[in-house]
Amino acid sequence: MTTSTAPLSALVLPTPAGPLTVLLTPEDQTVRAAGFAPVADMAPRLDVALRDRGVQETPSVLGPVADAVRRYADGDLEALAEVPVAQPGGPFTQRAWQAMRDIAPGETLTYAELAQAAGNPAAVRAAGSACARNLVAPFVPCHRVLRTGGAMGGYYYGLDVKRALLAHESGVVSAA
């Protein structure tokens, strides 16, 4: 983890699924939290050491993270994979998050397939927990993980957002 005490930068960026809030450490441009909720709802989800730094809303949408989100919204569906992310979690959870980043846009995995990809086929519930604990959606694309049989399952920001992200990535026009 970084040793800076500067406030985290907060960006709110347009996406096909609605406004995306991104909290990042400005010194290394690493996304620490992201999601489809207001800054005030995202900041409390941070690790306590990062939360103690505070958050400063940044009106400018310049920089590599904002550029990647803009490119993603414009159809460069691999752009978010270039963005560095960091979030606390144990070894299996970290592997599950990496496995999510390895799911190609327009593709999906089931929770069982995610557990397999993360190295423990029996850890289906833990794979689901990794999705639920993901602080950096859609940079770690937990929206690409479905229930067996293709049912949507849950999504922290609501199923309409999950559907809009999947539709964007599959080339389907979304009304979100």
N, C-alpha and C. Protein backbone atom coordinates (compact mmCIF):
# COMPACT_ATOMS: atom_id res chain seq x y z
N MET A 1 0.85 -1.18 0.00
CA MET A 1 0.00 0.00 0.00
C MET A 1 0.89 1.23 0.00
N THR A 2 0.39 2.29 -0.55
CA THR A 2 1.10 3.56 -0.62
C THR A 2 1.19 4.22 0.75
N THR A 3 2.22 5.06 0.96
CA THR A 3 2.38 5.74 2.23
C THR A 3 1.96 7.20 2.18
N SER A 4 1.46 7.67 1.07
CA SER A 4 1.01 9.04 0.94
C SER A 4 -0.18 9.31 1.85
N THR A 5 -0.32 10.56 2.24
CA THR A 5 -1.49 10.96 3.02
C THR A 5 -2.39 11.92 2.24
N ALA A 6 -2.06 12.16 0.97
CA ALA A 6 -2.88 13.04 0.14
C ALA A 6 -4.27 12.42 -0.03
N PRO A 7 -5.30 13.26 -0.10
CA PRO A 7 -6.65 12.72 -0.31
C PRO A 7 -6.74 11.93 -1.61
N LEU A 8 -7.63 10.95 -1.61
CA LEU A 8 -7.91 10.22 -2.83
C LEU A 8 -8.68 11.14 -3.78
N SER A 9 -8.50 10.93 -5.07
CA SER A 9 -9.24 11.68 -6.08
C SER A 9 -10.52 10.94 -6.39
N ALA A 10 -11.60 11.69 -6.53
CA ALA A 10 -12.89 11.11 -6.90
C ALA A 10 -13.30 11.67 -8.25
N LEU A 11 -13.57 10.78 -9.18
CA LEU A 11 -14.05 11.15 -10.51
C LEU A 11 -15.44 10.55 -10.68
N VAL A 12 -16.31 11.25 -11.35
CA VAL A 12 -17.60 10.70 -11.75
C VAL A 12 -17.64 10.79 -13.27
N LEU A 13 -17.68 9.63 -13.91
CA LEU A 13 -17.51 9.55 -15.35
C LEU A 13 -18.73 8.88 -16.00
N PRO A 14 -19.13 9.35 -17.17
CA PRO A 14 -20.28 8.74 -17.86
C PRO A 14 -19.90 7.39 -18.47
N THR A 15 -20.84 6.45 -18.38
CA THR A 15 -20.68 5.14 -19.02
C THR A 15 -22.03 4.74 -19.59
N PRO A 16 -22.08 3.71 -20.41
CA PRO A 16 -23.35 3.22 -20.92
C PRO A 16 -24.29 2.70 -19.83
N ALA A 17 -23.76 2.40 -18.65
CA ALA A 17 -24.59 1.90 -17.54
C ALA A 17 -24.94 2.99 -16.54
N GLY A 18 -24.52 4.23 -16.81
CA GLY A 18 -24.79 5.34 -15.90
C GLY A 18 -23.49 5.90 -15.35
N PRO A 19 -23.61 6.92 -14.48
CA PRO A 19 -22.41 7.56 -13.92
C PRO A 19 -21.59 6.57 -13.08
N LEU A 20 -20.29 6.52 -13.35
CA LEU A 20 -19.37 5.65 -12.63
C LEU A 20 -18.51 6.51 -11.72
N THR A 21 -18.55 6.24 -10.42
CA THR A 21 -17.69 6.92 -9.46
C THR A 21 -16.41 6.12 -9.32
N VAL A 22 -15.28 6.80 -9.42
CA VAL A 22 -13.97 6.17 -9.31
C VAL A 22 -13.18 6.90 -8.23
N LEU A 23 -12.71 6.17 -7.23
CA LEU A 23 -11.82 6.71 -6.21
C LEU A 23 -10.44 6.13 -6.46
N LEU A 24 -9.44 7.01 -6.58
CA LEU A 24 -8.11 6.55 -6.91
C LEU A 24 -7.06 7.28 -6.12
N THR A 25 -5.93 6.62 -5.93
CA THR A 25 -4.79 7.28 -5.30
C THR A 25 -4.11 8.11 -6.39
N PRO A 26 -4.04 9.43 -6.18
CA PRO A 26 -3.53 10.30 -7.25
C PRO A 26 -2.05 10.09 -7.55
N GLU A 27 -1.28 9.63 -6.56
CA GLU A 27 0.16 9.50 -6.79
C GLU A 27 0.51 8.36 -7.73
N ASP A 28 -0.34 7.33 -7.82
CA ASP A 28 -0.03 6.21 -8.71
C ASP A 28 -1.18 5.88 -9.67
N GLN A 29 -2.27 6.66 -9.62
CA GLN A 29 -3.42 6.46 -10.50
C GLN A 29 -3.98 5.03 -10.40
N THR A 30 -3.97 4.47 -9.19
CA THR A 30 -4.52 3.15 -8.95
C THR A 30 -5.94 3.28 -8.42
N VAL A 31 -6.87 2.58 -9.05
CA VAL A 31 -8.26 2.61 -8.61
C VAL A 31 -8.38 1.78 -7.33
N ARG A 32 -8.96 2.42 -6.29
CA ARG A 32 -9.13 1.77 -4.99
C ARG A 32 -10.59 1.41 -4.72
N ALA A 33 -11.51 2.11 -5.37
CA ALA A 33 -12.94 1.80 -5.30
C ALA A 33 -13.59 2.40 -6.53
N ALA A 34 -14.59 1.72 -7.05
CA ALA A 34 -15.32 2.21 -8.20
C ALA A 34 -16.67 1.53 -8.23
N GLY A 35 -17.65 2.26 -8.71
CA GLY A 35 -18.97 1.68 -8.83
C GLY A 35 -20.01 2.71 -9.22
N PHE A 36 -21.21 2.24 -9.37
CA PHE A 36 -22.32 3.05 -9.87
C PHE A 36 -23.14 3.58 -8.69
N ALA A 37 -22.47 4.37 -7.85
CA ALA A 37 -23.07 4.97 -6.68
C ALA A 37 -22.38 6.32 -6.44
N PRO A 38 -23.00 7.19 -5.66
CA PRO A 38 -22.39 8.49 -5.38
C PRO A 38 -21.09 8.34 -4.56
N VAL A 39 -20.24 9.36 -4.64
CA VAL A 39 -18.98 9.38 -3.90
C VAL A 39 -19.23 9.10 -2.42
N ALA A 40 -20.26 9.70 -1.85
CA ALA A 40 -20.56 9.53 -0.42
C ALA A 40 -20.86 8.08 -0.06
N ASP A 41 -21.35 7.30 -1.00
CA ASP A 41 -21.63 5.88 -0.76
C ASP A 41 -20.39 5.01 -1.00
N MET A 42 -19.50 5.48 -1.86
CA MET A 42 -18.31 4.69 -2.20
C MET A 42 -17.22 4.82 -1.14
N ALA A 43 -16.99 6.01 -0.62
CA ALA A 43 -15.89 6.24 0.31
C ALA A 43 -15.94 5.33 1.55
N PRO A 44 -17.09 5.09 2.16
CA PRO A 44 -17.10 4.21 3.35
C PRO A 44 -16.71 2.76 3.06
N ARG A 45 -16.71 2.35 1.82
CA ARG A 45 -16.34 0.97 1.47
C ARG A 45 -14.83 0.77 1.43
N LEU A 46 -14.07 1.86 1.47
CA LEU A 46 -12.61 1.78 1.40
C LEU A 46 -12.01 1.15 2.65
N ASP A 47 -10.83 0.58 2.49
CA ASP A 47 -10.01 0.15 3.61
C ASP A 47 -9.80 1.37 4.53
N VAL A 48 -9.75 1.14 5.84
CA VAL A 48 -9.71 2.25 6.80
C VAL A 48 -8.52 3.18 6.56
N ALA A 49 -7.36 2.66 6.22
CA ALA A 49 -6.20 3.52 5.98
C ALA A 49 -6.43 4.47 4.81
N LEU A 50 -7.09 3.99 3.78
CA LEU A 50 -7.42 4.87 2.65
C LEU A 50 -8.54 5.83 3.00
N ARG A 51 -9.53 5.33 3.73
CA ARG A 51 -10.66 6.18 4.14
C ARG A 51 -10.16 7.36 4.97
N ASP A 52 -9.16 7.12 5.82
CA ASP A 52 -8.62 8.18 6.67
C ASP A 52 -7.94 9.29 5.87
N ARG A 53 -7.54 9.01 4.65
CA ARG A 53 -6.92 10.03 3.80
C ARG A 53 -7.94 11.05 3.30
N GLY A 54 -9.20 10.67 3.29
CA GLY A 54 -10.24 11.54 2.77
C GLY A 54 -10.34 11.44 1.26
N VAL A 55 -11.35 12.08 0.72
CA VAL A 55 -11.61 12.05 -0.71
C VAL A 55 -11.85 13.47 -1.19
N GLN A 56 -11.23 13.82 -2.28
CA GLN A 56 -11.40 15.13 -2.89
C GLN A 56 -11.99 14.94 -4.28
N GLU A 57 -13.20 15.47 -4.48
CA GLU A 57 -13.81 15.35 -5.81
C GLU A 57 -12.99 16.15 -6.81
N THR A 58 -12.73 15.54 -7.93
CA THR A 58 -11.90 16.12 -8.97
C THR A 58 -12.79 16.42 -10.17
N PRO A 59 -13.01 17.71 -10.45
CA PRO A 59 -13.90 18.02 -11.57
C PRO A 59 -13.31 17.66 -12.93
N SER A 60 -11.99 17.63 -13.03
CA SER A 60 -11.35 17.33 -14.29
C SER A 60 -11.51 15.85 -14.62
N VAL A 61 -11.78 15.56 -15.86
CA VAL A 61 -11.86 14.16 -16.30
C VAL A 61 -10.67 13.86 -17.21
N LEU A 62 -9.51 14.38 -16.82
CA LEU A 62 -8.29 14.10 -17.55
C LEU A 62 -7.51 13.04 -16.81
N GLY A 63 -6.63 12.37 -17.50
CA GLY A 63 -5.80 11.36 -16.88
C GLY A 63 -6.07 9.99 -17.44
N PRO A 64 -5.20 9.03 -17.11
CA PRO A 64 -5.30 7.71 -17.71
C PRO A 64 -6.57 6.94 -17.33
N VAL A 65 -7.05 7.09 -16.10
CA VAL A 65 -8.25 6.36 -15.70
C VAL A 65 -9.47 6.90 -16.44
N ALA A 66 -9.61 8.22 -16.45
CA ALA A 66 -10.73 8.83 -17.16
C ALA A 66 -10.67 8.50 -18.65
N ASP A 67 -9.45 8.48 -19.20
CA ASP A 67 -9.29 8.14 -20.62
C ASP A 67 -9.73 6.70 -20.88
N ALA A 68 -9.35 5.78 -19.99
CA ALA A 68 -9.75 4.37 -20.18
C ALA A 68 -11.26 4.21 -20.09
N VAL A 69 -11.90 4.90 -19.16
CA VAL A 69 -13.36 4.81 -19.04
C VAL A 69 -14.02 5.39 -20.28
N ARG A 70 -13.51 6.50 -20.78
CA ARG A 70 -14.06 7.12 -22.00
C ARG A 70 -13.93 6.16 -23.18
N ARG A 71 -12.75 5.53 -23.32
CA ARG A 71 -12.53 4.59 -24.42
C ARG A 71 -13.46 3.38 -24.29
N TYR A 72 -13.64 2.88 -23.07
CA TYR A 72 -14.56 1.76 -22.83
C TYR A 72 -15.97 2.16 -23.27
N ALA A 73 -16.42 3.32 -22.86
CA ALA A 73 -17.76 3.80 -23.22
C ALA A 73 -17.91 3.94 -24.73
N ASP A 74 -16.81 4.30 -25.41
CA ASP A 74 -16.83 4.48 -26.86
C ASP A 74 -16.65 3.17 -27.64
N GLY A 75 -16.51 2.04 -26.91
CA GLY A 75 -16.45 0.76 -27.60
C GLY A 75 -15.14 0.00 -27.50
N ASP A 76 -14.09 0.60 -26.91
CA ASP A 76 -12.84 -0.11 -26.69
C ASP A 76 -13.00 -0.92 -25.41
N LEU A 77 -13.57 -2.10 -25.53
CA LEU A 77 -14.01 -2.88 -24.37
C LEU A 77 -12.87 -3.45 -23.55
N GLU A 78 -11.66 -3.41 -24.05
CA GLU A 78 -10.48 -3.88 -23.30
C GLU A 78 -9.83 -2.76 -22.50
N ALA A 79 -10.28 -1.53 -22.66
CA ALA A 79 -9.61 -0.37 -22.05
C ALA A 79 -9.54 -0.45 -20.52
N LEU A 80 -10.56 -0.97 -19.86
CA LEU A 80 -10.57 -1.00 -18.40
C LEU A 80 -9.53 -1.99 -17.85
N ALA A 81 -9.16 -2.98 -18.63
CA ALA A 81 -8.17 -3.97 -18.19
C ALA A 81 -6.79 -3.36 -18.03
N GLU A 82 -6.55 -2.21 -18.64
CA GLU A 82 -5.25 -1.53 -18.57
C GLU A 82 -5.08 -0.76 -17.27
N VAL A 83 -6.15 -0.52 -16.55
CA VAL A 83 -6.12 0.35 -15.38
C VAL A 83 -5.66 -0.44 -14.16
N PRO A 84 -4.64 0.07 -13.43
CA PRO A 84 -4.23 -0.62 -12.21
C PRO A 84 -5.28 -0.48 -11.11
N VAL A 85 -5.52 -1.57 -10.41
CA VAL A 85 -6.48 -1.61 -9.30
C VAL A 85 -5.82 -2.25 -8.10
N ALA A 86 -6.33 -1.95 -6.92
CA ALA A 86 -5.86 -2.60 -5.69
C ALA A 86 -7.02 -2.62 -4.71
N GLN A 87 -7.21 -3.77 -4.07
CA GLN A 87 -8.23 -3.90 -3.04
C GLN A 87 -7.81 -5.01 -2.10
N PRO A 88 -8.20 -4.89 -0.84
CA PRO A 88 -7.79 -5.91 0.14
C PRO A 88 -8.58 -7.20 -0.02
N GLY A 89 -7.90 -8.31 0.14
CA GLY A 89 -8.55 -9.62 0.06
C GLY A 89 -7.52 -10.71 0.18
N GLY A 90 -7.95 -11.88 0.61
CA GLY A 90 -7.06 -13.03 0.78
C GLY A 90 -6.62 -13.62 -0.55
N PRO A 91 -5.78 -14.66 -0.49
CA PRO A 91 -5.22 -15.24 -1.72
C PRO A 91 -6.27 -15.74 -2.72
N PHE A 92 -7.27 -16.50 -2.26
CA PHE A 92 -8.27 -16.99 -3.21
C PHE A 92 -9.04 -15.83 -3.81
N THR A 93 -9.42 -14.87 -2.99
CA THR A 93 -10.19 -13.72 -3.49
C THR A 93 -9.38 -12.95 -4.53
N GLN A 94 -8.08 -12.75 -4.28
CA GLN A 94 -7.23 -12.07 -5.26
C GLN A 94 -7.18 -12.85 -6.56
N ARG A 95 -7.07 -14.18 -6.46
CA ARG A 95 -7.06 -15.00 -7.69
C ARG A 95 -8.40 -14.91 -8.42
N ALA A 96 -9.49 -14.89 -7.66
CA ALA A 96 -10.81 -14.78 -8.29
C ALA A 96 -10.94 -13.43 -9.00
N TRP A 97 -10.47 -12.37 -8.36
CA TRP A 97 -10.54 -11.05 -9.01
C TRP A 97 -9.69 -11.03 -10.28
N GLN A 98 -8.53 -11.65 -10.25
CA GLN A 98 -7.71 -11.71 -11.46
C GLN A 98 -8.41 -12.53 -12.53
N ALA A 99 -9.04 -13.63 -12.13
CA ALA A 99 -9.78 -14.45 -13.09
C ALA A 99 -10.92 -13.65 -13.72
N MET A 100 -11.57 -12.80 -12.95
CA MET A 100 -12.62 -11.94 -13.50
C MET A 100 -12.03 -10.99 -14.54
N ARG A 101 -10.85 -10.44 -14.26
CA ARG A 101 -10.21 -9.54 -15.22
C ARG A 101 -9.82 -10.26 -16.50
N ASP A 102 -9.67 -11.59 -16.41
CA ASP A 102 -9.29 -12.38 -17.58
C ASP A 102 -10.50 -12.78 -18.44
N ILE A 103 -11.72 -12.54 -17.96
CA ILE A 103 -12.92 -12.84 -18.76
C ILE A 103 -13.00 -11.79 -19.86
N ALA A 104 -13.05 -12.22 -21.08
CA ALA A 104 -13.10 -11.29 -22.20
C ALA A 104 -14.43 -10.55 -22.23
N PRO A 105 -14.42 -9.27 -22.61
CA PRO A 105 -15.69 -8.55 -22.78
C PRO A 105 -16.60 -9.30 -23.74
N GLY A 106 -17.88 -9.37 -23.39
CA GLY A 106 -18.85 -10.09 -24.20
C GLY A 106 -18.96 -11.55 -23.81
N GLU A 107 -18.07 -12.02 -22.94
CA GLU A 107 -18.11 -13.39 -22.44
C GLU A 107 -18.57 -13.38 -20.98
N THR A 108 -19.00 -14.52 -20.49
CA THR A 108 -19.37 -14.66 -19.08
C THR A 108 -18.86 -16.00 -18.57
N LEU A 109 -18.76 -16.09 -17.26
CA LEU A 109 -18.47 -17.34 -16.57
C LEU A 109 -19.56 -17.54 -15.52
N THR A 110 -19.75 -18.78 -15.11
CA THR A 110 -20.62 -19.05 -13.96
C THR A 110 -19.75 -18.96 -12.71
N TYR A 111 -20.41 -18.94 -11.55
CA TYR A 111 -19.66 -18.94 -10.29
C TYR A 111 -18.77 -20.17 -10.20
N ALA A 112 -19.27 -21.33 -10.64
CA ALA A 112 -18.48 -22.56 -10.62
C ALA A 112 -17.25 -22.44 -11.54
N GLU A 113 -17.45 -21.87 -12.72
CA GLU A 113 -16.32 -21.69 -13.64
C GLU A 113 -15.31 -20.68 -13.07
N LEU A 114 -15.80 -19.67 -12.37
CA LEU A 114 -14.90 -18.70 -11.73
C LEU A 114 -14.07 -19.39 -10.65
N ALA A 115 -14.71 -20.23 -9.83
CA ALA A 115 -13.98 -20.96 -8.80
C ALA A 115 -12.88 -21.81 -9.44
N GLN A 116 -13.21 -22.49 -10.53
CA GLN A 116 -12.23 -23.29 -11.27
C GLN A 116 -11.09 -22.41 -11.77
N ALA A 117 -11.41 -21.29 -12.38
CA ALA A 117 -10.38 -20.39 -12.92
C ALA A 117 -9.49 -19.81 -11.83
N ALA A 118 -10.03 -19.69 -10.62
CA ALA A 118 -9.26 -19.15 -9.50
C ALA A 118 -8.48 -20.24 -8.76
N GLY A 119 -8.58 -21.49 -9.25
CA GLY A 119 -7.75 -22.55 -8.71
C GLY A 119 -8.37 -23.44 -7.66
N ASN A 120 -9.67 -23.28 -7.39
CA ASN A 120 -10.31 -24.14 -6.39
C ASN A 120 -11.74 -24.42 -6.83
N PRO A 121 -11.95 -25.48 -7.61
CA PRO A 121 -13.28 -25.77 -8.14
C PRO A 121 -14.36 -25.96 -7.08
N ALA A 122 -13.97 -26.32 -5.86
CA ALA A 122 -14.96 -26.53 -4.79
C ALA A 122 -15.37 -25.22 -4.13
N ALA A 123 -14.70 -24.13 -4.44
CA ALA A 123 -14.93 -22.85 -3.75
C ALA A 123 -15.97 -21.98 -4.46
N VAL A 124 -17.09 -22.57 -4.84
CA VAL A 124 -18.11 -21.82 -5.57
C VAL A 124 -18.67 -20.67 -4.73
N ARG A 125 -18.95 -20.95 -3.45
CA ARG A 125 -19.46 -19.87 -2.59
C ARG A 125 -18.42 -18.77 -2.40
N ALA A 126 -17.17 -19.15 -2.27
CA ALA A 126 -16.10 -18.15 -2.13
C ALA A 126 -15.98 -17.32 -3.41
N ALA A 127 -16.22 -17.93 -4.56
CA ALA A 127 -16.20 -17.18 -5.82
C ALA A 127 -17.33 -16.15 -5.82
N GLY A 128 -18.50 -16.55 -5.36
CA GLY A 128 -19.61 -15.61 -5.25
C GLY A 128 -19.30 -14.50 -4.27
N SER A 129 -18.64 -14.84 -3.17
CA SER A 129 -18.25 -13.84 -2.18
C SER A 129 -17.24 -12.86 -2.77
N ALA A 130 -16.33 -13.34 -3.60
CA ALA A 130 -15.36 -12.45 -4.25
C ALA A 130 -16.08 -11.44 -5.14
N CYS A 131 -17.13 -11.89 -5.81
CA CYS A 131 -17.92 -10.96 -6.63
C CYS A 131 -18.57 -9.91 -5.73
N ALA A 132 -19.17 -10.35 -4.64
CA ALA A 132 -19.89 -9.44 -3.73
C ALA A 132 -18.95 -8.45 -3.06
N ARG A 133 -17.71 -8.84 -2.80
CA ARG A 133 -16.75 -7.99 -2.09
C ARG A 133 -15.93 -7.11 -3.03
N ASN A 134 -16.12 -7.24 -4.32
CA ASN A 134 -15.35 -6.48 -5.31
C ASN A 134 -15.62 -4.98 -5.14
N LEU A 135 -14.58 -4.23 -4.84
CA LEU A 135 -14.71 -2.78 -4.64
C LEU A 135 -14.45 -1.98 -5.91
N VAL A 136 -13.98 -2.62 -6.96
CA VAL A 136 -13.53 -1.86 -8.13
C VAL A 136 -14.25 -2.28 -9.41
N ALA A 137 -15.58 -2.42 -9.31
CA ALA A 137 -16.39 -2.70 -10.50
C ALA A 137 -16.45 -1.44 -11.34
N PRO A 138 -16.42 -1.49 -12.62
CA PRO A 138 -16.31 -2.62 -13.53
C PRO A 138 -14.87 -2.94 -13.95
N PHE A 139 -13.86 -2.32 -13.29
CA PHE A 139 -12.46 -2.61 -13.63
C PHE A 139 -12.13 -4.07 -13.35
N VAL A 140 -12.68 -4.62 -12.28
CA VAL A 140 -12.72 -6.06 -12.04
C VAL A 140 -14.16 -6.44 -12.37
N PRO A 141 -14.39 -7.01 -13.54
CA PRO A 141 -15.74 -7.13 -14.09
C PRO A 141 -16.57 -8.28 -13.51
N CYS A 142 -16.99 -8.12 -12.27
CA CYS A 142 -17.84 -9.13 -11.63
C CYS A 142 -19.20 -9.23 -12.33
N HIS A 143 -19.54 -8.21 -13.12
CA HIS A 143 -20.81 -8.29 -13.86
C HIS A 143 -20.78 -9.40 -14.91
N ARG A 144 -19.60 -9.91 -15.23
CA ARG A 144 -19.46 -10.98 -16.22
C ARG A 144 -19.63 -12.37 -15.61
N VAL A 145 -19.99 -12.44 -14.33
CA VAL A 145 -20.17 -13.71 -13.65
C VAL A 145 -21.66 -13.93 -13.41
N LEU A 146 -22.15 -15.10 -13.84
CA LEU A 146 -23.57 -15.43 -13.78
C LEU A 146 -23.78 -16.72 -12.99
N ARG A 147 -25.02 -16.95 -12.64
CA ARG A 147 -25.38 -18.22 -12.02
C ARG A 147 -25.34 -19.33 -13.07
N THR A 148 -25.23 -20.55 -12.60
CA THR A 148 -25.31 -21.70 -13.51
C THR A 148 -26.64 -21.63 -14.26
N GLY A 149 -26.60 -21.85 -15.54
CA GLY A 149 -27.80 -21.75 -16.35
C GLY A 149 -27.98 -20.38 -16.97
N GLY A 150 -27.11 -19.42 -16.60
CA GLY A 150 -27.16 -18.10 -17.21
C GLY A 150 -28.00 -17.05 -16.51
N ALA A 151 -28.61 -17.39 -15.37
CA ALA A 151 -29.38 -16.38 -14.63
C ALA A 151 -28.44 -15.29 -14.14
N MET A 152 -28.96 -14.09 -14.04
CA MET A 152 -28.15 -12.93 -13.69
C MET A 152 -27.47 -13.04 -12.33
N GLY A 153 -28.13 -13.59 -11.35
CA GLY A 153 -27.57 -13.56 -10.00
C GLY A 153 -27.71 -12.15 -9.46
N GLY A 154 -26.89 -11.78 -8.52
CA GLY A 154 -26.97 -10.44 -7.95
C GLY A 154 -25.93 -9.52 -8.53
N TYR A 155 -26.04 -8.25 -8.18
CA TYR A 155 -25.04 -7.25 -8.54
C TYR A 155 -25.21 -6.10 -7.56
N TYR A 156 -24.15 -5.68 -6.93
CA TYR A 156 -24.19 -4.66 -5.88
C TYR A 156 -24.93 -3.40 -6.33
N TYR A 157 -24.79 -3.03 -7.57
CA TYR A 157 -25.39 -1.78 -8.09
C TYR A 157 -26.71 -2.01 -8.80
N GLY A 158 -27.25 -3.21 -8.71
CA GLY A 158 -28.55 -3.51 -9.30
C GLY A 158 -28.43 -4.24 -10.62
N LEU A 159 -29.44 -5.04 -10.89
CA LEU A 159 -29.42 -5.85 -12.11
C LEU A 159 -29.55 -5.03 -13.38
N ASP A 160 -30.20 -3.85 -13.31
CA ASP A 160 -30.28 -3.00 -14.50
C ASP A 160 -28.89 -2.55 -14.94
N VAL A 161 -28.02 -2.22 -13.99
CA VAL A 161 -26.65 -1.82 -14.32
C VAL A 161 -25.89 -3.01 -14.90
N LYS A 162 -26.04 -4.18 -14.28
CA LYS A 162 -25.37 -5.39 -14.77
C LYS A 162 -25.81 -5.69 -16.21
N ARG A 163 -27.11 -5.61 -16.46
CA ARG A 163 -27.63 -5.86 -17.81
C ARG A 163 -27.07 -4.83 -18.81
N ALA A 164 -27.00 -3.57 -18.40
CA ALA A 164 -26.50 -2.52 -19.29
C ALA A 164 -25.03 -2.75 -19.63
N LEU A 165 -24.23 -3.16 -18.65
CA LEU A 165 -22.81 -3.45 -18.92
C LEU A 165 -22.67 -4.63 -19.86
N LEU A 166 -23.41 -5.70 -19.60
CA LEU A 166 -23.34 -6.88 -20.48
C LEU A 166 -23.83 -6.56 -21.88
N ALA A 167 -24.88 -5.76 -21.99
CA ALA A 167 -25.40 -5.37 -23.30
C ALA A 167 -24.37 -4.53 -24.06
N HIS A 168 -23.75 -3.58 -23.37
CA HIS A 168 -22.71 -2.75 -23.99
C HIS A 168 -21.58 -3.63 -24.53
N GLU A 169 -21.18 -4.60 -23.72
CA GLU A 169 -20.04 -5.43 -24.10
C GLU A 169 -20.38 -6.45 -25.18
N SER A 170 -21.65 -6.74 -25.33
CA SER A 170 -22.03 -7.69 -26.39
C SER A 170 -22.50 -6.97 -27.66
N GLY A 171 -22.48 -5.65 -27.62
CA GLY A 171 -22.87 -4.87 -28.78
C GLY A 171 -24.36 -4.62 -28.90
N VAL A 172 -25.11 -5.00 -27.88
CA VAL A 172 -26.55 -4.77 -27.87
C VAL A 172 -26.80 -3.35 -27.37
N VAL A 173 -27.64 -2.61 -28.05
CA VAL A 173 -27.97 -1.25 -27.64
C VAL A 173 -28.78 -1.32 -26.34
N SER A 174 -28.32 -0.54 -25.36
CA SER A 174 -28.99 -0.53 -24.05
C SER A 174 -29.64 0.81 -23.81
N ALA A 175 -30.76 0.80 -23.10
CA ALA A 175 -31.46 2.04 -22.77
C ALA A 175 -30.98 2.64 -21.47
N ALA A 176 -30.00 2.04 -20.80
CA ALA A 176 -29.53 2.53 -19.49
C ALA A 176 -28.78 3.83 -19.61
